[in-house]
Protein backbone atom coordinates (compact mmCIF):
# COMPACT_ATOMS: atom_id res chain seq x y z
CA UNK A 1 -11.69 19.83 1.34
CA UNK A 2 -11.10 22.68 3.83
CA UNK A 3 -7.44 23.29 4.78
CA UNK A 4 -6.40 25.29 7.83
CA UNK A 5 -4.31 28.13 6.41
CA UNK A 6 -2.32 28.76 9.64
CA UNK A 7 -1.52 25.11 10.16
CA UNK A 8 -0.44 24.69 6.52
CA UNK A 9 1.72 27.82 6.56
CA UNK A 10 3.44 26.68 9.76
CA UNK A 11 4.30 23.39 8.04
CA UNK A 12 5.68 25.27 5.03
CA UNK A 13 7.66 27.66 7.19
CA UNK A 14 9.35 24.76 9.03
CA UNK A 15 9.68 22.71 5.84
CA UNK A 16 7.97 19.81 7.61
CA UNK A 17 8.23 16.79 5.29
CA UNK A 18 5.56 15.04 7.27
CA UNK A 19 2.94 17.04 5.35
CA UNK A 20 4.36 16.29 1.88
CA UNK A 21 1.54 14.93 -0.21
CA UNK A 22 -1.11 15.97 2.27
CA UNK A 23 -1.47 19.35 0.63
CA UNK A 24 0.32 21.50 -1.92
CA UNK A 25 1.49 25.13 -1.76
CA UNK A 26 0.53 27.32 -4.73
CA UNK A 27 2.57 30.54 -5.07
CA UNK A 28 0.80 33.24 -7.03
CA UNK A 29 3.88 35.34 -7.80
CA UNK A 30 5.73 32.49 -9.49
CA UNK A 31 2.90 30.34 -10.80
CA UNK A 32 4.48 27.29 -9.19
CA UNK A 33 3.14 24.71 -6.73
CA UNK A 34 5.41 22.92 -4.28
CA UNK A 35 5.39 20.32 -1.53
CA UNK A 36 5.51 21.76 2.03
CA UNK A 37 9.16 20.77 2.52
CA UNK A 38 10.43 22.56 -0.59
CA UNK A 39 13.88 24.03 0.19
CA UNK A 40 13.08 27.31 -1.65
CA UNK A 41 12.62 30.54 0.28
CA UNK A 42 9.29 30.52 2.10
CA UNK A 43 6.87 32.77 0.24
CA UNK A 44 4.88 35.49 2.02
CA UNK A 45 1.47 34.44 3.38
CA UNK A 46 -0.27 36.91 1.07
CA UNK A 47 1.23 35.17 -1.97
CA UNK A 48 0.20 31.56 -1.22
CA UNK A 49 -2.83 29.37 -1.17
CA UNK A 50 -3.08 25.71 -0.21
CA UNK A 51 -4.70 23.00 -2.30
CA UNK A 52 -5.59 19.39 -1.48
CA UNK A 53 -4.28 17.75 -4.63
CA UNK A 54 -1.71 18.28 -7.37
CA UNK A 55 -4.56 18.08 -9.84
CA UNK A 56 -6.25 21.05 -8.18
CA UNK A 57 -3.08 23.09 -8.50
CA UNK A 58 -2.69 22.15 -12.17
CA UNK A 59 -6.35 22.94 -12.76
CA UNK A 60 -5.75 26.39 -11.34
CA UNK A 61 -2.92 26.98 -13.78
CA UNK A 62 0.12 26.28 -11.61
CA UNK A 63 3.10 24.26 -12.79
CA UNK A 64 5.07 21.83 -10.68
CA UNK A 65 8.25 22.98 -8.94
CA UNK A 66 11.27 21.40 -10.64
CA UNK A 67 13.26 21.61 -7.41
CA UNK A 68 11.07 19.71 -4.94
CA UNK A 69 9.08 17.61 -7.50
CA UNK A 70 5.74 17.77 -5.65
CA UNK A 71 4.25 14.94 -7.68
CA UNK A 72 6.96 12.60 -6.21
CA UNK A 73 5.78 13.13 -2.62
CA UNK A 74 4.18 10.24 -0.72
CA UNK A 75 0.45 10.05 -1.26
CA UNK A 76 -2.04 11.61 1.12
CA UNK A 77 -3.00 9.40 4.11
CA UNK A 78 -6.47 10.94 3.87
CA UNK A 79 -7.48 8.44 1.18
CA UNK A 80 -7.21 5.71 3.83
CA UNK A 81 -8.53 7.55 6.87
CA UNK A 82 -11.48 8.97 4.96
CA UNK A 83 -14.16 6.60 3.69
CA UNK A 84 -16.29 9.07 1.75
CA UNK A 85 -16.87 9.06 -2.01
CA UNK A 86 -13.94 11.36 -2.78
CA UNK A 87 -11.46 9.18 -0.91
CA UNK A 88 -12.71 5.95 -2.47
CA UNK A 89 -12.58 7.55 -5.91
CA UNK A 90 -8.99 8.64 -5.36
CA UNK A 91 -7.95 5.09 -4.48
CA UNK A 92 -9.51 3.80 -7.68
CA UNK A 93 -8.07 6.59 -9.82
CA UNK A 94 -4.62 5.72 -8.45
CA UNK A 95 -5.19 2.11 -9.54
CA UNK A 96 -5.78 3.28 -13.10
CA UNK A 97 -9.54 2.74 -13.41
CA UNK A 98 -10.05 5.79 -15.61
CA UNK A 99 -7.18 4.85 -17.94
CA UNK A 100 -8.78 1.47 -18.44
CA UNK A 101 -12.45 2.33 -18.62
CA UNK A 102 -12.87 6.09 -18.45
CA UNK A 103 -15.04 8.07 -16.10
CA UNK A 104 -18.03 5.82 -16.75
CA UNK A 105 -16.15 2.84 -15.34
CA UNK A 106 -15.13 4.82 -12.24
CA UNK A 107 -18.70 6.02 -11.65
CA UNK A 108 -20.17 2.54 -12.16
CA UNK A 109 -17.69 0.97 -9.78
CA UNK A 110 -18.58 3.49 -7.07
CA UNK A 111 -22.32 3.30 -7.81
CA UNK A 112 -22.81 6.98 -8.68
CA UNK A 113 -23.71 8.86 -11.83
CA UNK A 114 -20.87 10.55 -13.71
CA UNK A 115 -22.42 13.98 -13.08
CA UNK A 116 -22.71 13.43 -9.32
CA UNK A 117 -19.22 11.97 -9.10
CA UNK A 118 -17.71 14.94 -10.98
CA UNK A 119 -19.55 17.43 -8.76
CA UNK A 120 -18.41 15.81 -5.52
CA UNK A 121 -14.77 15.48 -6.60
CA UNK A 122 -14.63 19.04 -7.89
CA UNK A 123 -16.10 20.36 -4.63
CA UNK A 124 -13.98 18.21 -2.34
CA UNK A 125 -10.66 18.05 -4.19
CA UNK A 126 -10.63 21.03 -6.48
CA UNK A 127 -10.59 18.93 -9.67
CA UNK A 128 -12.85 16.49 -11.50
CA UNK A 129 -12.00 12.88 -12.28
CA UNK A 130 -10.42 13.61 -15.63
CA UNK A 131 -8.11 16.24 -14.13
CA UNK A 132 -7.15 13.91 -11.27
CA UNK A 133 -6.37 11.12 -13.74
CA UNK A 134 -4.42 13.59 -15.86
CA UNK A 135 -2.20 14.44 -12.82
CA UNK A 136 -1.51 10.73 -12.38
CA UNK A 137 -0.60 10.36 -16.04
CA UNK A 138 1.79 13.29 -15.78
CA UNK A 139 3.50 11.70 -12.78
CA UNK A 140 3.89 8.36 -14.63
CA UNK A 141 5.25 10.16 -17.66
CA UNK A 142 7.83 11.97 -15.54
CA UNK A 143 9.02 8.71 -13.96
CA UNK A 144 9.45 7.08 -17.37
CA UNK A 145 11.14 10.11 -18.89
CA UNK A 146 13.65 10.45 -16.08
CA UNK A 147 14.35 6.80 -15.25
CA UNK A 148 14.29 5.05 -18.67
CA UNK A 149 15.56 5.40 -22.22
CA UNK A 150 12.18 4.52 -23.69
CA UNK A 151 11.21 6.43 -26.85
CA UNK A 152 8.93 9.33 -26.06
CA UNK A 153 6.15 7.92 -28.22
CA UNK A 154 6.18 4.70 -26.15
CA UNK A 155 6.16 6.68 -22.90
CA UNK A 156 3.13 8.67 -24.09
CA UNK A 157 0.98 5.60 -24.52
CA UNK A 158 2.44 3.74 -21.52
CA UNK A 159 1.45 6.68 -19.28
CA UNK A 160 -2.08 6.57 -20.59
CA UNK A 161 -2.14 9.52 -22.98
CA UNK A 162 -4.34 9.28 -26.04
CA UNK A 163 -1.84 10.94 -28.36
CA UNK A 164 1.76 12.13 -28.45
CA UNK A 165 0.55 15.72 -28.82
CA UNK A 166 -1.49 15.38 -25.62
CA UNK A 167 1.54 13.93 -23.89
CA UNK A 168 3.83 16.80 -24.98
CA UNK A 169 1.29 19.47 -24.11
CA UNK A 170 0.67 18.04 -20.64
CA UNK A 171 4.33 17.69 -19.76
CA UNK A 172 5.04 21.24 -20.89
CA UNK A 173 2.04 22.61 -19.00
CA UNK A 174 2.68 20.73 -15.73
CA UNK A 175 6.49 20.83 -15.66
CA UNK A 176 7.27 23.89 -17.79
CA UNK A 177 9.77 21.97 -19.96
CA UNK A 178 9.56 19.66 -22.91
CA UNK A 179 9.97 15.88 -22.39
CA UNK A 180 13.36 15.96 -24.13
CA UNK A 181 14.69 18.74 -21.91
CA UNK A 182 13.34 16.93 -18.78
CA UNK A 183 15.27 13.78 -19.75
CA UNK A 184 18.46 15.66 -20.51
CA UNK A 185 18.33 17.47 -17.12
CA UNK A 186 17.70 14.16 -15.29
CA UNK A 187 20.76 12.59 -16.97
CA UNK A 188 22.88 15.57 -16.03
CA UNK A 189 21.78 15.47 -12.38
CA UNK A 190 22.40 11.75 -12.17
CA UNK A 191 25.69 11.98 -14.12
CA UNK A 192 24.94 8.68 -15.69
CA UNK A 193 22.68 7.17 -18.36
CA UNK A 194 19.19 6.05 -17.40
CA UNK A 195 18.41 2.39 -17.11
CA UNK A 196 17.22 1.01 -20.50
CA UNK A 197 13.63 -0.15 -20.31
CA UNK A 198 13.08 -1.68 -23.74
CA UNK A 199 12.14 -4.94 -22.02
CA UNK A 200 9.87 -3.29 -19.45
CA UNK A 201 12.44 -3.22 -16.66
CA UNK A 202 13.05 -0.16 -14.54
CA UNK A 203 14.09 0.81 -11.03
CA UNK A 204 12.18 3.33 -8.93
CA UNK A 205 12.45 4.99 -5.52
CA UNK A 206 9.22 4.76 -3.54
CA UNK A 207 9.25 7.61 -0.93
CA UNK A 208 7.62 7.36 2.48
CA UNK A 209 7.18 9.45 5.59
CA UNK A 210 9.61 8.76 8.37
CA UNK A 211 9.82 6.90 10.61
CA UNK A 212 9.37 3.44 9.09
CA UNK A 213 9.56 0.20 11.08
CA UNK A 214 11.50 -1.74 8.46
CA UNK A 215 11.94 -4.78 10.72
CA UNK A 216 8.21 -5.30 11.00
CA UNK A 217 7.58 -5.09 7.22
CA UNK A 218 10.54 -7.31 6.48
CA UNK A 219 9.29 -9.89 8.94
CA UNK A 220 5.77 -9.74 7.61
CA UNK A 221 6.81 -10.19 3.99
CA UNK A 222 9.36 -12.91 4.61
CA UNK A 223 7.16 -14.94 6.94
CA UNK A 224 4.32 -15.23 4.39
CA UNK A 225 6.28 -16.05 1.26
CA UNK A 226 4.59 -18.56 -1.05
CA UNK A 227 7.24 -20.39 -3.10
CA UNK A 228 6.62 -20.20 -6.83
CA UNK A 229 5.22 -16.67 -6.83
CA UNK A 230 7.14 -14.98 -4.00
CA UNK A 231 10.66 -15.19 -2.59
CA UNK A 232 12.74 -13.60 0.18
CA UNK A 233 16.47 -13.45 -0.51
CA UNK A 234 19.21 -10.98 0.56
CA UNK A 235 16.63 -9.02 2.59
CA UNK A 236 14.59 -8.34 -0.56
CA UNK A 237 11.04 -9.39 -1.33
CA UNK A 238 10.36 -10.52 -4.91
CA UNK A 239 6.78 -11.09 -6.12
CA UNK A 240 5.01 -11.98 -9.36
CA UNK A 241 1.66 -10.23 -9.63
CA UNK A 242 -1.21 -9.96 -12.06
CA UNK A 243 -1.71 -6.51 -13.56
CA UNK A 244 -4.58 -5.01 -15.60
CA UNK A 245 -2.82 -5.65 -18.94
CA UNK A 246 -0.74 -8.73 -18.09
CA UNK A 247 1.66 -9.35 -15.25
CA UNK A 248 4.72 -7.95 -13.54
CA UNK A 249 7.56 -8.97 -11.24
CA UNK A 250 8.58 -6.61 -8.45
CA UNK A 251 11.64 -6.79 -6.19
CA UNK A 252 11.42 -4.60 -3.09
CA UNK A 253 14.23 -3.71 -0.69
CA UNK A 254 14.27 -1.17 2.14
CA UNK A 255 16.82 1.65 1.89
CA UNK A 256 17.53 4.45 4.37
CA UNK A 257 14.98 6.94 3.01
CA UNK A 258 13.06 5.04 0.38
CA UNK A 259 12.00 1.62 -0.85
CA UNK A 260 13.89 0.47 -3.92
CA UNK A 261 11.47 -1.11 -6.41
CA UNK A 262 12.89 -3.09 -9.35
CA UNK A 263 10.05 -3.76 -11.79
CA UNK A 264 9.76 -5.99 -14.82
CA UNK A 265 6.47 -5.16 -16.55
CA UNK A 266 4.86 -7.18 -19.33
CA UNK A 267 3.07 -4.03 -20.42
CA UNK A 268 4.38 -0.55 -19.50
CA UNK A 269 0.80 0.76 -19.24
CA UNK A 270 0.68 -1.08 -15.93
CA UNK A 271 3.40 1.06 -14.30
CA UNK A 272 1.04 3.41 -12.41
CA UNK A 273 -1.29 0.80 -10.99
CA UNK A 274 1.64 -1.48 -10.09
CA UNK A 275 3.37 1.31 -8.15
CA UNK A 276 0.10 2.21 -6.46
CA UNK A 277 -0.40 -1.41 -5.39
CA UNK A 278 3.13 -1.74 -4.08
CA UNK A 279 2.70 1.43 -2.06
CA UNK A 280 -0.55 0.03 -0.71
CA UNK A 281 1.11 -3.25 0.18
CA UNK A 282 3.73 -1.46 2.31
CA UNK A 283 1.38 1.25 3.62
CA UNK A 284 3.87 3.85 2.48
CA UNK A 285 1.38 6.76 2.47
CA UNK A 286 0.68 6.52 6.22
CA UNK A 287 1.32 9.44 8.57
CA UNK A 288 3.42 7.63 11.21
CA UNK A 289 4.08 10.68 13.37
CA UNK A 290 0.40 11.46 13.74
CA UNK A 291 -0.40 7.78 14.44
CA UNK A 292 2.40 7.39 16.96
CA UNK A 293 1.36 10.52 18.80
CA UNK A 294 -2.09 9.08 19.53
CA UNK A 295 -0.89 5.55 20.31
CA UNK A 296 2.10 6.72 22.37
CA UNK A 297 0.11 9.17 24.43
CA UNK A 298 -2.37 6.47 25.37
CA UNK A 299 0.41 3.95 26.18
CA UNK A 300 2.06 6.36 28.59
CA UNK A 301 -1.13 6.70 30.56
CA UNK A 302 -1.16 2.96 31.41
CA UNK A 303 1.61 1.31 33.43
CA UNK A 304 2.91 -1.80 31.64
CA UNK A 305 4.98 -4.69 32.96
CA UNK A 306 8.63 -5.45 32.16
CA UNK A 307 9.07 -7.62 29.09
CA UNK A 308 12.17 -9.62 28.05
CA UNK A 309 12.54 -9.36 24.25
CA UNK A 310 15.25 -9.28 21.71
CA UNK A 311 13.25 -7.85 18.86
CA UNK A 312 11.53 -9.77 16.08
CA UNK A 313 13.24 -12.75 14.64
CA UNK A 314 15.73 -11.85 11.92
CA UNK A 315 13.88 -12.38 8.64
CA UNK A 316 16.82 -14.29 7.13
CA UNK A 317 18.05 -16.05 10.25
CA UNK A 318 18.11 -19.78 10.81
CA UNK A 319 15.65 -21.30 13.31
CA UNK A 320 16.69 -20.81 16.93
CA UNK A 321 18.44 -23.68 18.66
CA UNK A 322 16.37 -24.55 21.73
CA UNK A 323 19.45 -25.90 23.58
CA UNK A 324 21.11 -22.50 23.34
CA UNK A 325 18.53 -19.73 24.03
CA UNK A 326 19.40 -16.42 22.33
CA UNK A 327 20.74 -13.57 24.44
CA UNK A 328 17.94 -11.65 26.06
CA UNK A 329 17.81 -8.02 27.03
CA UNK A 330 15.14 -6.66 29.34
CA UNK A 331 13.33 -3.57 28.15
CA UNK A 332 10.23 -1.67 29.12
CA UNK A 333 7.80 -2.35 26.32
CA UNK A 334 6.73 0.52 24.17
CA UNK A 335 5.26 0.95 20.71
CA UNK A 336 8.05 1.01 18.14
CA UNK A 337 7.78 4.06 15.90
CA UNK A 338 6.64 3.91 12.33
CA UNK A 339 4.85 0.59 12.27
CA UNK A 340 2.75 -0.04 9.16
CA UNK A 341 -0.37 -2.08 8.41
CA UNK A 342 0.49 -4.21 5.35
CA UNK A 343 -2.05 -3.97 2.53
CA UNK A 344 -2.40 -6.26 -0.42
CA UNK A 345 -1.75 -6.48 -4.12
CA UNK A 346 -4.96 -8.28 -5.12
CA UNK A 347 -8.27 -8.50 -3.22
CA UNK A 348 -9.45 -11.95 -4.33
CA UNK A 349 -6.01 -13.41 -3.58
CA UNK A 350 -6.00 -11.88 -0.12
CA UNK A 351 -9.37 -13.40 0.79
CA UNK A 352 -8.60 -16.85 -0.60
CA UNK A 353 -5.15 -17.01 1.03
CA UNK A 354 -6.64 -15.93 4.31
CA UNK A 355 -9.25 -18.69 4.11
CA UNK A 356 -6.57 -21.27 3.23
CA UNK A 357 -4.63 -20.21 6.32
CA UNK A 358 -7.52 -20.44 8.80
CA UNK A 359 -6.80 -22.52 11.90
CA UNK A 360 -3.28 -23.55 10.74
CA UNK A 361 0.20 -22.15 11.25
CA UNK A 362 1.79 -19.57 8.97
CA UNK A 363 4.23 -22.11 7.53
CA UNK A 364 1.44 -24.65 6.88
CA UNK A 365 -0.55 -22.00 5.11
CA UNK A 366 2.39 -21.20 2.89
CA UNK A 367 2.77 -24.92 2.01
CA UNK A 368 -0.95 -25.26 1.09
CA UNK A 369 -0.86 -22.08 -0.96
CA UNK A 370 2.31 -23.07 -2.75
CA UNK A 371 0.67 -26.41 -3.74
CA UNK A 372 -2.31 -24.53 -5.14
CA UNK A 373 -0.07 -22.13 -7.05
CA UNK A 374 2.02 -24.94 -8.50
CA UNK A 375 -0.99 -26.85 -9.66
CA UNK A 376 -3.32 -24.09 -10.89
CA UNK A 377 -1.27 -20.89 -11.15
CA UNK A 378 -0.82 -19.22 -14.51
CA UNK A 379 2.75 -19.84 -15.81
CA UNK A 380 4.83 -16.78 -16.74
CA UNK A 381 8.38 -16.04 -17.77
CA UNK A 382 10.74 -14.62 -15.18
CA UNK A 383 12.45 -15.43 -11.89
CA UNK A 384 9.15 -16.50 -10.35
CA UNK A 385 7.31 -18.95 -12.61
CA UNK A 386 3.66 -18.57 -11.63
CA UNK A 387 0.84 -16.14 -10.68
CA UNK A 388 -1.77 -16.84 -8.06
CA UNK A 389 -4.62 -18.72 -9.70
CA UNK A 390 -7.65 -16.79 -10.91
CA UNK A 391 -10.85 -17.36 -8.91
CA UNK A 392 -12.55 -19.11 -11.87
CA UNK A 393 -9.77 -21.70 -11.99
CA UNK A 394 -9.99 -22.33 -8.21
CA UNK A 395 -13.77 -22.57 -8.46
CA UNK A 396 -13.44 -25.24 -11.18
CA UNK A 397 -10.44 -27.26 -9.95
CA UNK A 398 -9.65 -26.12 -6.39
CA UNK A 399 -11.31 -29.19 -4.82
CA UNK A 400 -8.83 -31.41 -6.71
CA UNK A 401 -5.77 -29.63 -5.17
CA UNK A 402 -6.75 -28.29 -1.77
CA UNK A 403 -6.37 -30.53 1.27
CA UNK A 404 -7.77 -30.28 4.78
CA UNK A 405 -11.24 -30.28 6.28
CA UNK A 406 -13.91 -30.84 3.61
CA UNK A 407 -15.98 -27.93 4.92
CA UNK A 408 -13.16 -25.50 4.53
CA UNK A 409 -12.41 -26.70 1.00
CA UNK A 410 -16.08 -26.24 0.08
CA UNK A 411 -16.02 -22.76 1.51
CA UNK A 412 -12.91 -21.74 -0.45
CA UNK A 413 -14.26 -23.14 -3.70
CA UNK A 414 -17.60 -21.45 -3.05
CA UNK A 415 -16.00 -18.05 -2.39
CA UNK A 416 -13.90 -18.44 -5.58
CA UNK A 417 -17.10 -19.14 -7.50
CA UNK A 418 -18.72 -16.00 -6.04
CA UNK A 419 -15.73 -13.95 -7.11
CA UNK A 420 -15.59 -15.51 -10.55
CA UNK A 421 -19.36 -14.98 -11.10
CA UNK A 422 -19.37 -11.35 -10.00
CA UNK A 423 -21.47 -11.92 -6.93
CA UNK A 424 -18.63 -10.61 -4.74
CA UNK A 425 -16.56 -7.54 -5.55
CA UNK A 426 -13.27 -6.84 -3.80
CA UNK A 427 -11.76 -3.48 -4.68
CA UNK A 428 -10.60 -0.35 -2.88
CA UNK A 429 -13.72 1.57 -3.80
CA UNK A 430 -15.89 -0.34 -1.34
CA UNK A 431 -16.89 1.08 2.00
CA UNK A 432 -15.76 -0.91 5.03
CA UNK A 433 -19.32 -1.53 6.25
CA UNK A 434 -20.52 -2.83 2.94
CA UNK A 435 -17.45 -5.02 2.37
CA UNK A 436 -17.64 -6.53 5.83
CA UNK A 437 -21.34 -7.28 5.40
CA UNK A 438 -20.74 -9.09 2.10
CA UNK A 439 -17.84 -11.05 3.55
CA UNK A 440 -19.81 -12.21 6.60
CA UNK A 441 -22.55 -13.46 4.26
CA UNK A 442 -20.09 -15.99 2.77
CA UNK A 443 -19.97 -19.55 4.04
CA UNK A 444 -16.72 -20.08 5.94
CA UNK A 445 -15.95 -16.36 6.59
CA UNK A 446 -16.25 -15.29 10.20
CA UNK A 447 -15.73 -11.93 11.93
CA UNK A 448 -11.96 -12.29 12.21
CA UNK A 449 -11.51 -13.05 8.49
CA UNK A 450 -13.92 -10.28 7.49
CA UNK A 451 -12.10 -7.72 9.66
CA UNK A 452 -8.65 -8.86 8.56
CA UNK A 453 -9.50 -8.69 4.83
CA UNK A 454 -11.28 -5.35 5.23
CA UNK A 455 -8.33 -3.88 7.10
CA UNK A 456 -5.79 -4.91 4.50
CA UNK A 457 -7.81 -4.46 1.32
CA UNK A 458 -9.12 -0.94 2.19
CA UNK A 459 -6.15 0.14 4.34
CA UNK A 460 -8.79 0.84 6.97
CA UNK A 461 -6.85 2.36 9.91
CA UNK A 462 -9.39 1.66 12.67
CA UNK A 463 -10.05 -2.09 12.84
CA UNK A 464 -9.08 -3.82 16.10
CA UNK A 465 -8.53 -7.54 15.68
CA UNK A 466 -9.62 -8.05 19.24
CA UNK A 467 -10.57 -11.70 18.85
CA UNK A 468 -7.17 -12.69 17.47
CA UNK A 469 -5.17 -14.92 19.84
CA UNK A 470 -1.82 -13.23 19.04
CA UNK A 471 -3.35 -9.74 19.53
CA UNK A 472 -4.75 -10.85 22.89
CA UNK A 473 -1.34 -12.19 23.90
CA UNK A 474 0.28 -8.89 22.94
CA UNK A 475 -2.33 -6.97 24.91
CA UNK A 476 -1.59 -9.08 27.98
CA UNK A 477 2.14 -8.47 27.64
CA UNK A 478 1.59 -4.73 27.32
CA UNK A 479 -1.04 -4.52 29.97
CA UNK A 480 -3.69 -3.15 27.61
CA UNK A 481 -7.43 -3.67 28.05
CA UNK A 482 -8.96 -4.63 24.70
CA UNK A 483 -12.42 -3.79 25.90
CA UNK A 484 -11.44 -0.13 26.25
CA UNK A 485 -9.73 0.94 23.05
CA UNK A 486 -11.88 3.92 21.99
CA UNK A 487 -9.03 6.27 22.89
CA UNK A 488 -6.88 4.68 20.19
CA UNK A 489 -9.32 5.53 17.41
CA UNK A 490 -8.93 6.04 14.51
CA UNK A 491 -5.68 4.01 14.58
CA UNK A 492 -6.71 0.69 16.03
CA UNK A 493 -5.43 -1.24 13.00
CA UNK A 494 -1.98 0.04 13.90
CA UNK A 495 -2.61 -0.91 17.52
CA UNK A 496 -3.28 -4.44 16.30
CA UNK A 497 0.06 -4.49 14.52
CA UNK A 498 1.85 -3.28 17.67
CA UNK A 499 0.24 -6.04 19.71
CA UNK A 500 1.13 -8.65 17.12
CA UNK A 501 4.70 -7.50 17.14
CA UNK A 502 4.92 -7.56 20.96
CA UNK A 503 3.63 -11.13 21.08
CA UNK A 504 6.03 -12.26 18.32
CA UNK A 505 8.95 -10.56 20.02
CA UNK A 506 8.14 -12.44 23.17
CA UNK A 507 7.98 -15.71 21.24
CA UNK A 508 11.31 -14.96 19.62
CA UNK A 509 12.85 -14.49 23.05
CA UNK A 510 11.36 -17.79 24.21
CA UNK A 511 12.00 -20.50 21.56
CA UNK A 512 9.65 -23.02 22.96
CA UNK A 513 6.81 -20.51 22.80
CA UNK A 514 7.68 -19.70 19.25
CA UNK A 515 7.33 -23.36 18.27
CA UNK A 516 4.03 -23.98 20.04
CA UNK A 517 0.94 -24.55 17.87
CA UNK A 518 -1.20 -21.51 17.06
CA UNK A 519 -4.92 -21.74 16.52
CA UNK A 520 -7.87 -19.33 16.46
CA UNK A 521 -5.68 -16.35 15.71
CA UNK A 522 -2.71 -15.95 13.41
CA UNK A 523 -1.08 -13.51 11.09
CA UNK A 524 -2.22 -14.54 7.59
């Protein structure tokens, strides 16, 4: 992957945190690689090279800077904006496919031979699949070493290493210290003991690139809570989710410069894929400045009418009293900075929940989904008692629990059967075109559902939900022509979120609008 030296060096010279995770700076004179915003003295241009991944830097013999912790930077947004083989492979590697099935499993999932996959990744990213997976294991090991009191032997296997010796050698090679020294230094910096994790519980900081529209994500999460497997309390989202080796419970809350993630894992081997899925859910690897530059420039070109709004409804607020309308302030509408496109934690769940919610309100969809979870969800221990049902269970018993039009129930059960039988594959290694084609071939899945699921499952940044009623309402409020959106590419998914938010803000300012029925377009 070609990197523009002058552009990269300018980012390093200005310590621009926006580029953290998008590339890494390797310094020949010190043998260290850093993130662009590292506070150390800027090296001379003749002494640096720029690499696309941490794995490439490690492959070249560089060790991670212990000051800026380059492996802790937000992930590269390229894995979402690019749809080529390398990008799709990186998404699957982040989800732990190699740890679970090795390179053969990764190659088979992507539909390529191991040899061809290794050649493409080495050419594009500077490292093959094993080296890329090794970098992920090193990052997971560092998290566990610094944030828990787990025995080192347990950390080694939880991070995916085949042996304790391999774990020790990798940590020393990547971070230039032994695991024991790394933990001691972390305790000294924190001036407190780490959180014990004998029961699989730990707390992490999930970094992101500023700005972040917290209000939008809080509203989205809280509005779609399914009782029994999700909750929203004290401005925190708690969720039970299925993981490759069991299950986990995650509690997410938005802090000033990070998302606080409190995790309870049934199996510590699931730490890396769980973190990757949570980051995907919140779209934390996006480049909001680059996105806002494109969307904002286009918005300024088009005059837009005045709009009376008072922001989105408070996620924890009581329903508005229609007899006493809320105070309204008049503002000129503009795109709020840092909006994100929510992803998902599980592809089959996303599709089935979206189908359940077709043609009904958000609250009704939550009620139907909660009934399904209560009846068929797998029981687990913890604050949330159940997981979303597996597709095979819904295929077998869904018709007994689901209510509504018979045609829709048949469609949901049929899609669950296709997922359970392996006729439909939903994972982040799919291309958008192939996924959309397969979704449209299903009974009961139309263009809106196919686009919505593709957008959220693949984090595809350029899908305009132009047929959505709420999107159309937002476009009318902002004076945007949905038939002429080419200038917003490749960020039309984010444009859809802005239009949704504008329409919802208008409804919040007009209680009777907010309570009107919504059909043929909704946020699922």
